[in-house]
Amino acid sequence: MAQYEIVITNGTTQQSPVQVVPQAQNNSVGGEKDVPVSAGARYAQSLLKKVVGVGVIVHTADQIISQQHSTISLTTGAQEYGQRASYFYQKGSSFIKSVVIGGMAGGQVAGPGGAVAGAAVSALLNIGGQAMNYFLQKDVLDKQKSLEDISIRMRTMRATVSGRRYSNITEY
């Protein structure tokens, strides 16, 4: 490598020129010492840079698609369609992200076979979690329906007994 010499002079006073010579062998900044970096650390740094780059791209794409879903009801007037599209996009993107992350983690541990195994395990866990959420939500809705039915029956009993109103007037 070629060395460069920079000379800075002050023309107003009679001081000697200051010379700045960069060190070609040392890539340190601010007088820090060069510390040898292991191959594993370099690999981790390159992987982190890739993940961060992908994360920014995914986040930007996610924002654009979410904005498109939020304007469906404004452009078409179909609010329910916009809500459905947003819901399915949210569930689908969550599934894809978890599978990709599982594949990346498995690939780091055990190579290509680990990537496939990690993606499969992540997909199964995601599907299992969605099924669990479905059945828990179904249970809540069933309980709400039962309580509503009880409430309707109680209202009907109060109206027929205490108010002397009859639900079927043709009986009398």
N, C-alpha and C. Protein backbone atom coordinates (compact mmCIF):
# COMPACT_ATOMS: atom_id res chain seq x y z
N MET A 1 0.84 -1.18 0.00
CA MET A 1 0.00 0.00 0.00
C MET A 1 0.88 1.25 0.00
N ALA A 2 0.36 2.27 -0.65
CA ALA A 2 1.09 3.54 -0.69
C ALA A 2 0.80 4.34 0.56
N GLN A 3 1.81 5.04 1.04
CA GLN A 3 1.62 5.92 2.18
C GLN A 3 1.49 7.34 1.68
N TYR A 4 0.61 8.09 2.31
CA TYR A 4 0.39 9.48 1.94
C TYR A 4 0.86 10.37 3.07
N GLU A 5 1.32 11.52 2.73
CA GLU A 5 1.78 12.48 3.72
C GLU A 5 1.00 13.76 3.51
N ILE A 6 0.35 14.23 4.58
CA ILE A 6 -0.42 15.47 4.53
C ILE A 6 0.31 16.49 5.38
N VAL A 7 0.58 17.64 4.79
CA VAL A 7 1.29 18.70 5.49
C VAL A 7 0.33 19.87 5.66
N ILE A 8 0.15 20.33 6.91
CA ILE A 8 -0.72 21.47 7.20
C ILE A 8 0.17 22.58 7.73
N THR A 9 0.11 23.74 7.10
CA THR A 9 0.93 24.88 7.54
C THR A 9 0.06 26.05 7.88
N ASN A 10 0.52 26.85 8.82
CA ASN A 10 -0.17 28.07 9.21
C ASN A 10 0.68 29.23 8.70
N GLY A 11 0.18 29.96 7.73
CA GLY A 11 0.96 31.00 7.09
C GLY A 11 1.13 32.25 7.91
N THR A 12 0.40 32.44 9.01
CA THR A 12 0.47 33.68 9.78
C THR A 12 1.58 33.66 10.82
N THR A 13 2.00 32.50 11.29
CA THR A 13 3.04 32.43 12.32
C THR A 13 4.20 31.61 11.79
N GLN A 14 5.29 31.64 12.50
CA GLN A 14 6.49 30.93 12.09
C GLN A 14 6.63 29.60 12.84
N GLN A 15 5.59 28.78 12.80
CA GLN A 15 5.65 27.47 13.46
C GLN A 15 6.02 26.41 12.44
N SER A 16 6.53 25.32 12.92
CA SER A 16 6.91 24.23 12.02
C SER A 16 5.64 23.53 11.52
N PRO A 17 5.67 22.99 10.31
CA PRO A 17 4.48 22.31 9.78
C PRO A 17 4.17 21.03 10.55
N VAL A 18 2.86 20.71 10.61
CA VAL A 18 2.39 19.50 11.29
C VAL A 18 2.16 18.44 10.23
N GLN A 19 2.69 17.27 10.47
CA GLN A 19 2.52 16.20 9.50
C GLN A 19 1.59 15.13 10.06
N VAL A 20 0.66 14.67 9.20
CA VAL A 20 -0.27 13.60 9.57
C VAL A 20 0.01 12.43 8.64
N VAL A 21 0.40 11.31 9.20
CA VAL A 21 0.72 10.14 8.40
C VAL A 21 -0.14 8.99 8.91
N PRO A 22 -1.07 8.49 8.08
CA PRO A 22 -1.87 7.35 8.54
C PRO A 22 -1.05 6.08 8.56
N GLN A 23 -1.40 5.19 9.46
CA GLN A 23 -0.71 3.91 9.54
C GLN A 23 -1.44 2.91 8.67
N ALA A 24 -0.76 2.36 7.72
CA ALA A 24 -1.38 1.46 6.76
C ALA A 24 -1.71 0.11 7.37
N GLN A 25 -0.94 -0.33 8.36
CA GLN A 25 -1.15 -1.65 8.91
C GLN A 25 -2.27 -1.67 9.95
N ASN A 26 -2.57 -0.55 10.59
CA ASN A 26 -3.51 -0.51 11.69
C ASN A 26 -4.83 0.10 11.22
N ASN A 27 -5.91 -0.65 11.34
CA ASN A 27 -7.23 -0.15 10.95
C ASN A 27 -8.01 0.37 12.15
N SER A 28 -7.34 0.67 13.23
CA SER A 28 -8.03 1.10 14.44
C SER A 28 -8.41 2.57 14.34
N VAL A 29 -9.33 2.95 15.19
CA VAL A 29 -9.81 4.33 15.22
C VAL A 29 -9.52 4.91 16.59
N GLY A 30 -9.03 6.12 16.63
CA GLY A 30 -8.83 6.82 17.89
C GLY A 30 -7.79 6.20 18.78
N GLY A 31 -6.78 5.56 18.25
CA GLY A 31 -5.71 5.01 19.06
C GLY A 31 -6.03 3.66 19.67
N GLU A 32 -7.15 3.02 19.27
CA GLU A 32 -7.46 1.71 19.80
C GLU A 32 -6.49 0.68 19.23
N LYS A 33 -6.27 -0.37 19.97
CA LYS A 33 -5.39 -1.43 19.49
C LYS A 33 -6.19 -2.38 18.61
N ASP A 34 -5.52 -2.92 17.62
CA ASP A 34 -6.15 -3.91 16.76
C ASP A 34 -6.24 -5.22 17.52
N VAL A 35 -7.45 -5.73 17.70
CA VAL A 35 -7.67 -6.99 18.39
C VAL A 35 -8.03 -8.02 17.34
N PRO A 36 -7.35 -9.12 17.32
CA PRO A 36 -7.68 -10.14 16.32
C PRO A 36 -9.09 -10.67 16.55
N VAL A 37 -9.85 -10.81 15.46
CA VAL A 37 -11.23 -11.27 15.53
C VAL A 37 -11.28 -12.70 15.03
N SER A 38 -11.96 -13.54 15.78
CA SER A 38 -12.05 -14.94 15.40
C SER A 38 -12.99 -15.11 14.20
N ALA A 39 -12.88 -16.24 13.56
CA ALA A 39 -13.73 -16.52 12.40
C ALA A 39 -15.20 -16.60 12.81
N GLY A 40 -15.47 -17.14 13.97
CA GLY A 40 -16.84 -17.23 14.46
C GLY A 40 -17.46 -15.87 14.69
N ALA A 41 -16.65 -14.95 15.24
CA ALA A 41 -17.16 -13.60 15.48
C ALA A 41 -17.42 -12.88 14.17
N ARG A 42 -16.54 -13.07 13.18
CA ARG A 42 -16.76 -12.46 11.86
C ARG A 42 -18.02 -13.01 11.21
N TYR A 43 -18.22 -14.33 11.36
CA TYR A 43 -19.42 -14.97 10.81
C TYR A 43 -20.68 -14.43 11.49
N ALA A 44 -20.63 -14.30 12.82
CA ALA A 44 -21.77 -13.77 13.55
C ALA A 44 -22.07 -12.33 13.14
N GLN A 45 -21.02 -11.53 12.93
CA GLN A 45 -21.22 -10.15 12.49
C GLN A 45 -21.86 -10.10 11.11
N SER A 46 -21.40 -10.95 10.19
CA SER A 46 -21.97 -10.94 8.84
C SER A 46 -23.41 -11.43 8.87
N LEU A 47 -23.71 -12.43 9.71
CA LEU A 47 -25.08 -12.92 9.84
C LEU A 47 -25.98 -11.84 10.41
N LEU A 48 -25.49 -11.13 11.43
CA LEU A 48 -26.27 -10.06 12.03
C LEU A 48 -26.57 -8.96 11.02
N LYS A 49 -25.60 -8.63 10.20
CA LYS A 49 -25.82 -7.62 9.16
C LYS A 49 -26.89 -8.07 8.18
N LYS A 50 -26.89 -9.36 7.82
CA LYS A 50 -27.90 -9.88 6.90
C LYS A 50 -29.28 -9.84 7.53
N VAL A 51 -29.37 -10.27 8.79
CA VAL A 51 -30.66 -10.29 9.47
C VAL A 51 -31.21 -8.88 9.64
N VAL A 52 -30.35 -7.95 10.02
CA VAL A 52 -30.79 -6.57 10.19
C VAL A 52 -31.26 -6.01 8.86
N GLY A 53 -30.54 -6.31 7.77
CA GLY A 53 -30.95 -5.84 6.45
C GLY A 53 -32.29 -6.43 6.06
N VAL A 54 -32.48 -7.72 6.30
CA VAL A 54 -33.74 -8.37 5.97
C VAL A 54 -34.85 -7.83 6.85
N GLY A 55 -34.56 -7.58 8.11
CA GLY A 55 -35.56 -7.04 9.03
C GLY A 55 -36.09 -5.70 8.58
N VAL A 56 -35.21 -4.85 8.11
CA VAL A 56 -35.64 -3.53 7.63
C VAL A 56 -36.52 -3.68 6.39
N ILE A 57 -36.13 -4.56 5.48
CA ILE A 57 -36.93 -4.78 4.27
C ILE A 57 -38.31 -5.34 4.62
N VAL A 58 -38.34 -6.33 5.51
CA VAL A 58 -39.61 -6.94 5.90
C VAL A 58 -40.50 -5.92 6.59
N HIS A 59 -39.93 -5.11 7.47
CA HIS A 59 -40.72 -4.10 8.18
C HIS A 59 -41.31 -3.09 7.20
N THR A 60 -40.53 -2.65 6.25
CA THR A 60 -41.02 -1.68 5.26
C THR A 60 -42.14 -2.29 4.42
N ALA A 61 -41.94 -3.52 3.96
CA ALA A 61 -42.99 -4.18 3.17
C ALA A 61 -44.25 -4.38 4.00
N ASP A 62 -44.08 -4.73 5.27
CA ASP A 62 -45.22 -4.91 6.17
C ASP A 62 -46.00 -3.61 6.33
N GLN A 63 -45.31 -2.50 6.47
CA GLN A 63 -45.98 -1.20 6.59
C GLN A 63 -46.76 -0.86 5.32
N ILE A 64 -46.18 -1.12 4.16
CA ILE A 64 -46.85 -0.81 2.90
C ILE A 64 -48.11 -1.66 2.74
N ILE A 65 -48.01 -2.94 3.01
CA ILE A 65 -49.17 -3.83 2.87
C ILE A 65 -50.24 -3.48 3.89
N SER A 66 -49.87 -3.18 5.11
CA SER A 66 -50.84 -2.80 6.14
C SER A 66 -51.56 -1.51 5.76
N GLN A 67 -50.83 -0.58 5.18
CA GLN A 67 -51.46 0.66 4.73
C GLN A 67 -52.47 0.38 3.62
N GLN A 68 -52.14 -0.54 2.72
CA GLN A 68 -53.07 -0.90 1.66
C GLN A 68 -54.34 -1.53 2.24
N HIS A 69 -54.19 -2.37 3.26
CA HIS A 69 -55.36 -2.99 3.89
C HIS A 69 -56.21 -1.95 4.61
N SER A 70 -55.57 -0.97 5.21
CA SER A 70 -56.35 0.03 5.95
C SER A 70 -57.13 0.96 5.02
N THR A 71 -56.74 1.03 3.76
CA THR A 71 -57.48 1.90 2.83
C THR A 71 -58.49 1.15 1.98
N ILE A 72 -58.65 -0.15 2.16
CA ILE A 72 -59.63 -0.91 1.38
C ILE A 72 -61.03 -0.38 1.63
N SER A 73 -61.39 -0.16 2.90
CA SER A 73 -62.74 0.31 3.20
C SER A 73 -62.97 1.72 2.67
N LEU A 74 -61.92 2.53 2.60
CA LEU A 74 -62.08 3.88 2.06
C LEU A 74 -62.26 3.87 0.55
N THR A 75 -61.54 3.00 -0.14
CA THR A 75 -61.59 2.99 -1.59
C THR A 75 -62.77 2.20 -2.13
N THR A 76 -63.17 1.11 -1.45
CA THR A 76 -64.25 0.27 -1.97
C THR A 76 -65.54 0.39 -1.18
N GLY A 77 -65.46 0.86 0.05
CA GLY A 77 -66.65 0.92 0.90
C GLY A 77 -66.94 -0.39 1.60
N ALA A 78 -66.14 -1.40 1.36
CA ALA A 78 -66.36 -2.72 1.97
C ALA A 78 -65.48 -2.86 3.20
N GLN A 79 -66.00 -2.42 4.33
CA GLN A 79 -65.22 -2.44 5.56
C GLN A 79 -64.92 -3.86 6.02
N GLU A 80 -65.90 -4.75 5.90
CA GLU A 80 -65.70 -6.12 6.34
C GLU A 80 -64.63 -6.82 5.49
N TYR A 81 -64.62 -6.54 4.20
CA TYR A 81 -63.60 -7.12 3.31
C TYR A 81 -62.20 -6.66 3.73
N GLY A 82 -62.07 -5.38 4.06
CA GLY A 82 -60.78 -4.85 4.52
C GLY A 82 -60.33 -5.50 5.82
N GLN A 83 -61.28 -5.72 6.73
CA GLN A 83 -60.94 -6.36 7.99
C GLN A 83 -60.50 -7.81 7.77
N ARG A 84 -61.21 -8.52 6.89
CA ARG A 84 -60.82 -9.90 6.60
C ARG A 84 -59.45 -9.97 5.96
N ALA A 85 -59.21 -9.10 4.99
CA ALA A 85 -57.91 -9.10 4.31
C ALA A 85 -56.79 -8.81 5.30
N SER A 86 -57.01 -7.85 6.18
CA SER A 86 -56.00 -7.51 7.18
C SER A 86 -55.76 -8.67 8.15
N TYR A 87 -56.84 -9.32 8.58
CA TYR A 87 -56.72 -10.45 9.51
C TYR A 87 -55.92 -11.59 8.89
N PHE A 88 -56.27 -11.97 7.65
CA PHE A 88 -55.58 -13.09 7.01
C PHE A 88 -54.13 -12.74 6.68
N TYR A 89 -53.87 -11.49 6.32
CA TYR A 89 -52.48 -11.08 6.09
C TYR A 89 -51.69 -11.17 7.38
N GLN A 90 -52.28 -10.71 8.47
CA GLN A 90 -51.60 -10.74 9.76
C GLN A 90 -51.27 -12.17 10.18
N LYS A 91 -52.23 -13.07 10.05
CA LYS A 91 -52.00 -14.46 10.43
C LYS A 91 -50.99 -15.13 9.50
N GLY A 92 -51.10 -14.88 8.21
CA GLY A 92 -50.19 -15.49 7.24
C GLY A 92 -48.77 -14.99 7.40
N SER A 93 -48.60 -13.69 7.58
CA SER A 93 -47.25 -13.15 7.73
C SER A 93 -46.62 -13.62 9.04
N SER A 94 -47.42 -13.73 10.08
CA SER A 94 -46.91 -14.24 11.35
C SER A 94 -46.42 -15.69 11.19
N PHE A 95 -47.18 -16.50 10.46
CA PHE A 95 -46.80 -17.89 10.22
C PHE A 95 -45.51 -17.96 9.42
N ILE A 96 -45.43 -17.19 8.35
CA ILE A 96 -44.24 -17.21 7.49
C ILE A 96 -43.00 -16.73 8.25
N LYS A 97 -43.16 -15.65 9.04
CA LYS A 97 -42.02 -15.15 9.80
C LYS A 97 -41.52 -16.19 10.81
N SER A 98 -42.43 -16.87 11.48
CA SER A 98 -42.00 -17.86 12.47
C SER A 98 -41.32 -19.04 11.80
N VAL A 99 -41.81 -19.45 10.63
CA VAL A 99 -41.17 -20.57 9.93
C VAL A 99 -39.77 -20.17 9.45
N VAL A 100 -39.64 -18.96 8.93
CA VAL A 100 -38.33 -18.49 8.47
C VAL A 100 -37.35 -18.39 9.64
N ILE A 101 -37.79 -17.84 10.75
CA ILE A 101 -36.92 -17.72 11.91
C ILE A 101 -36.53 -19.10 12.44
N GLY A 102 -37.48 -20.03 12.47
CA GLY A 102 -37.17 -21.40 12.88
C GLY A 102 -36.16 -22.06 11.96
N GLY A 103 -36.32 -21.83 10.65
CA GLY A 103 -35.37 -22.37 9.69
C GLY A 103 -33.99 -21.77 9.84
N MET A 104 -33.93 -20.46 10.07
CA MET A 104 -32.63 -19.81 10.26
C MET A 104 -31.94 -20.32 11.52
N ALA A 105 -32.71 -20.44 12.59
CA ALA A 105 -32.11 -20.92 13.84
C ALA A 105 -31.64 -22.36 13.70
N GLY A 106 -32.46 -23.20 13.08
CA GLY A 106 -32.06 -24.59 12.88
C GLY A 106 -30.86 -24.71 11.96
N GLY A 107 -30.79 -23.85 10.95
CA GLY A 107 -29.66 -23.86 10.03
C GLY A 107 -28.37 -23.46 10.70
N GLN A 108 -28.43 -22.56 11.65
CA GLN A 108 -27.23 -22.15 12.37
C GLN A 108 -26.73 -23.25 13.28
N VAL A 109 -27.65 -24.05 13.80
CA VAL A 109 -27.25 -25.11 14.72
C VAL A 109 -26.77 -26.36 13.98
N ALA A 110 -27.52 -26.79 12.95
CA ALA A 110 -27.22 -28.08 12.34
C ALA A 110 -27.18 -28.06 10.82
N GLY A 111 -26.99 -26.92 10.22
CA GLY A 111 -26.85 -26.86 8.77
C GLY A 111 -28.18 -26.98 8.04
N PRO A 112 -28.17 -27.43 6.78
CA PRO A 112 -29.40 -27.50 5.98
C PRO A 112 -30.46 -28.43 6.58
N GLY A 113 -30.05 -29.55 7.12
CA GLY A 113 -31.00 -30.45 7.76
C GLY A 113 -31.65 -29.80 8.97
N GLY A 114 -30.87 -29.07 9.72
CA GLY A 114 -31.40 -28.35 10.87
C GLY A 114 -32.35 -27.24 10.46
N ALA A 115 -32.07 -26.62 9.31
CA ALA A 115 -32.96 -25.56 8.81
C ALA A 115 -34.33 -26.13 8.49
N VAL A 116 -34.35 -27.28 7.84
CA VAL A 116 -35.63 -27.92 7.52
C VAL A 116 -36.35 -28.34 8.80
N ALA A 117 -35.61 -28.93 9.72
CA ALA A 117 -36.20 -29.37 10.99
C ALA A 117 -36.70 -28.17 11.79
N GLY A 118 -35.92 -27.10 11.84
CA GLY A 118 -36.35 -25.91 12.58
C GLY A 118 -37.58 -25.28 11.98
N ALA A 119 -37.65 -25.23 10.64
CA ALA A 119 -38.83 -24.67 9.98
C ALA A 119 -40.05 -25.55 10.25
N ALA A 120 -39.87 -26.87 10.21
CA ALA A 120 -40.99 -27.78 10.45
C ALA A 120 -41.50 -27.67 11.89
N VAL A 121 -40.58 -27.63 12.84
CA VAL A 121 -40.98 -27.49 14.24
C VAL A 121 -41.69 -26.17 14.46
N SER A 122 -41.17 -25.11 13.87
CA SER A 122 -41.79 -23.80 14.02
C SER A 122 -43.18 -23.78 13.41
N ALA A 123 -43.35 -24.41 12.23
CA ALA A 123 -44.66 -24.47 11.59
C ALA A 123 -45.65 -25.24 12.46
N LEU A 124 -45.22 -26.37 13.00
CA LEU A 124 -46.10 -27.17 13.86
C LEU A 124 -46.50 -26.40 15.12
N LEU A 125 -45.54 -25.72 15.73
CA LEU A 125 -45.85 -24.94 16.92
C LEU A 125 -46.82 -23.80 16.60
N ASN A 126 -46.62 -23.16 15.45
CA ASN A 126 -47.51 -22.07 15.07
C ASN A 126 -48.91 -22.58 14.80
N ILE A 127 -49.03 -23.69 14.08
CA ILE A 127 -50.35 -24.27 13.79
C ILE A 127 -51.01 -24.72 15.09
N GLY A 128 -50.23 -25.34 15.98
CA GLY A 128 -50.79 -25.75 17.27
C GLY A 128 -51.27 -24.57 18.09
N GLY A 129 -50.51 -23.48 18.06
CA GLY A 129 -50.93 -22.28 18.79
C GLY A 129 -52.19 -21.67 18.22
N GLN A 130 -52.30 -21.67 16.89
CA GLN A 130 -53.51 -21.13 16.26
C GLN A 130 -54.72 -22.01 16.58
N ALA A 131 -54.53 -23.34 16.58
CA ALA A 131 -55.62 -24.24 16.93
C ALA A 131 -56.05 -24.03 18.38
N MET A 132 -55.08 -23.85 19.27
CA MET A 132 -55.39 -23.60 20.67
C MET A 132 -56.18 -22.29 20.82
N ASN A 133 -55.75 -21.25 20.12
CA ASN A 133 -56.47 -19.98 20.16
C ASN A 133 -57.90 -20.14 19.64
N TYR A 134 -58.06 -20.92 18.57
CA TYR A 134 -59.39 -21.15 18.01
C TYR A 134 -60.31 -21.82 19.04
N PHE A 135 -59.82 -22.90 19.67
CA PHE A 135 -60.66 -23.63 20.61
C PHE A 135 -60.94 -22.81 21.88
N LEU A 136 -59.97 -22.01 22.33
CA LEU A 136 -60.21 -21.15 23.49
C LEU A 136 -61.25 -20.08 23.15
N GLN A 137 -61.16 -19.50 21.96
CA GLN A 137 -62.13 -18.49 21.54
C GLN A 137 -63.51 -19.12 21.38
N LYS A 138 -63.56 -20.35 20.86
CA LYS A 138 -64.83 -21.05 20.71
C LYS A 138 -65.46 -21.29 22.08
N ASP A 139 -64.65 -21.66 23.06
CA ASP A 139 -65.15 -21.88 24.41
C ASP A 139 -65.74 -20.60 24.98
N VAL A 140 -65.04 -19.48 24.78
CA VAL A 140 -65.54 -18.19 25.28
C VAL A 140 -66.86 -17.84 24.61
N LEU A 141 -66.95 -18.03 23.30
CA LEU A 141 -68.19 -17.71 22.58
C LEU A 141 -69.34 -18.62 23.02
N ASP A 142 -69.05 -19.90 23.27
CA ASP A 142 -70.09 -20.81 23.76
C ASP A 142 -70.61 -20.38 25.13
N LYS A 143 -69.70 -19.97 26.01
CA LYS A 143 -70.13 -19.50 27.33
C LYS A 143 -70.94 -18.22 27.23
N GLN A 144 -70.53 -17.32 26.35
CA GLN A 144 -71.30 -16.09 26.18
C GLN A 144 -72.69 -16.39 25.63
N LYS A 145 -72.78 -17.36 24.71
CA LYS A 145 -74.08 -17.73 24.15
C LYS A 145 -74.96 -18.34 25.23
N SER A 146 -74.39 -19.19 26.07
CA SER A 146 -75.17 -19.81 27.16
C SER A 146 -75.68 -18.74 28.12
N LEU A 147 -74.83 -17.80 28.48
CA LEU A 147 -75.26 -16.73 29.38
C LEU A 147 -76.35 -15.86 28.75
N GLU A 148 -76.22 -15.62 27.46
CA GLU A 148 -77.23 -14.82 26.77
C GLU A 148 -78.57 -15.56 26.72
N ASP A 149 -78.52 -16.87 26.47
CA ASP A 149 -79.75 -17.67 26.47
C ASP A 149 -80.41 -17.66 27.84
N ILE A 150 -79.61 -17.79 28.89
CA ILE A 150 -80.15 -17.75 30.26
C ILE A 150 -80.78 -16.39 30.52
N SER A 151 -80.11 -15.34 30.09
CA SER A 151 -80.64 -13.99 30.29
C SER A 151 -81.97 -13.80 29.56
N ILE A 152 -82.06 -14.31 28.36
CA ILE A 152 -83.31 -14.18 27.59
C ILE A 152 -84.43 -14.96 28.27
N ARG A 153 -84.14 -16.18 28.75
CA ARG A 153 -85.16 -16.97 29.44
C ARG A 153 -85.61 -16.27 30.72
N MET A 154 -84.66 -15.67 31.46
CA MET A 154 -85.03 -14.98 32.70
C MET A 154 -85.90 -13.76 32.41
N ARG A 155 -85.57 -13.03 31.34
CA ARG A 155 -86.39 -11.88 30.96
C ARG A 155 -87.80 -12.32 30.57
N THR A 156 -87.89 -13.42 29.87
CA THR A 156 -89.19 -13.93 29.47
C THR A 156 -89.99 -14.35 30.69
N MET A 157 -89.35 -15.01 31.65
CA MET A 157 -90.06 -15.43 32.87
C MET A 157 -90.54 -14.22 33.66
N ARG A 158 -89.70 -13.19 33.79
CA ARG A 158 -90.11 -12.00 34.53
C ARG A 158 -91.29 -11.30 33.84
N ALA A 159 -91.27 -11.28 32.54
CA ALA A 159 -92.34 -10.60 31.81
C ALA A 159 -93.64 -11.37 31.90
N THR A 160 -93.61 -12.70 31.92
CA THR A 160 -94.85 -13.47 31.93
C THR A 160 -95.41 -13.63 33.32
N VAL A 161 -94.60 -13.78 34.35
CA VAL A 161 -95.11 -14.04 35.69
C VAL A 161 -95.46 -12.74 36.41
N SER A 162 -94.53 -11.83 36.51
CA SER A 162 -94.79 -10.64 37.33
C SER A 162 -95.62 -9.61 36.59
N GLY A 163 -95.47 -9.52 35.30
CA GLY A 163 -96.21 -8.51 34.56
C GLY A 163 -97.51 -9.02 34.00
N ARG A 164 -97.82 -10.27 34.21
CA ARG A 164 -99.01 -10.92 33.70
C ARG A 164 -99.13 -10.82 32.18
N ARG A 165 -97.96 -10.78 31.54
CA ARG A 165 -97.97 -10.81 30.08
C ARG A 165 -97.69 -12.24 29.67
N TYR A 166 -98.24 -12.60 28.57
CA TYR A 166 -98.07 -13.97 28.12
C TYR A 166 -97.33 -13.96 26.80
N SER A 167 -96.40 -14.92 26.68
CA SER A 167 -95.63 -14.96 25.45
C SER A 167 -96.47 -15.47 24.28
N ASN A 168 -97.52 -16.29 24.57
CA ASN A 168 -98.38 -16.77 23.50
C ASN A 168 -99.82 -16.40 23.86
N ILE A 169 -100.35 -15.38 23.28
CA ILE A 169 -101.66 -14.84 23.63
C ILE A 169 -102.79 -15.80 23.22
N THR A 170 -102.54 -16.70 22.32
CA THR A 170 -103.60 -17.59 21.83
C THR A 170 -103.94 -18.69 22.83
N GLU A 171 -103.14 -18.88 23.88
CA GLU A 171 -103.44 -19.90 24.87
C GLU A 171 -104.69 -19.56 25.66
N TYR A 172 -105.07 -18.29 25.81
CA TYR A 172 -106.15 -17.93 26.72
C TYR A 172 -107.31 -17.35 26.00
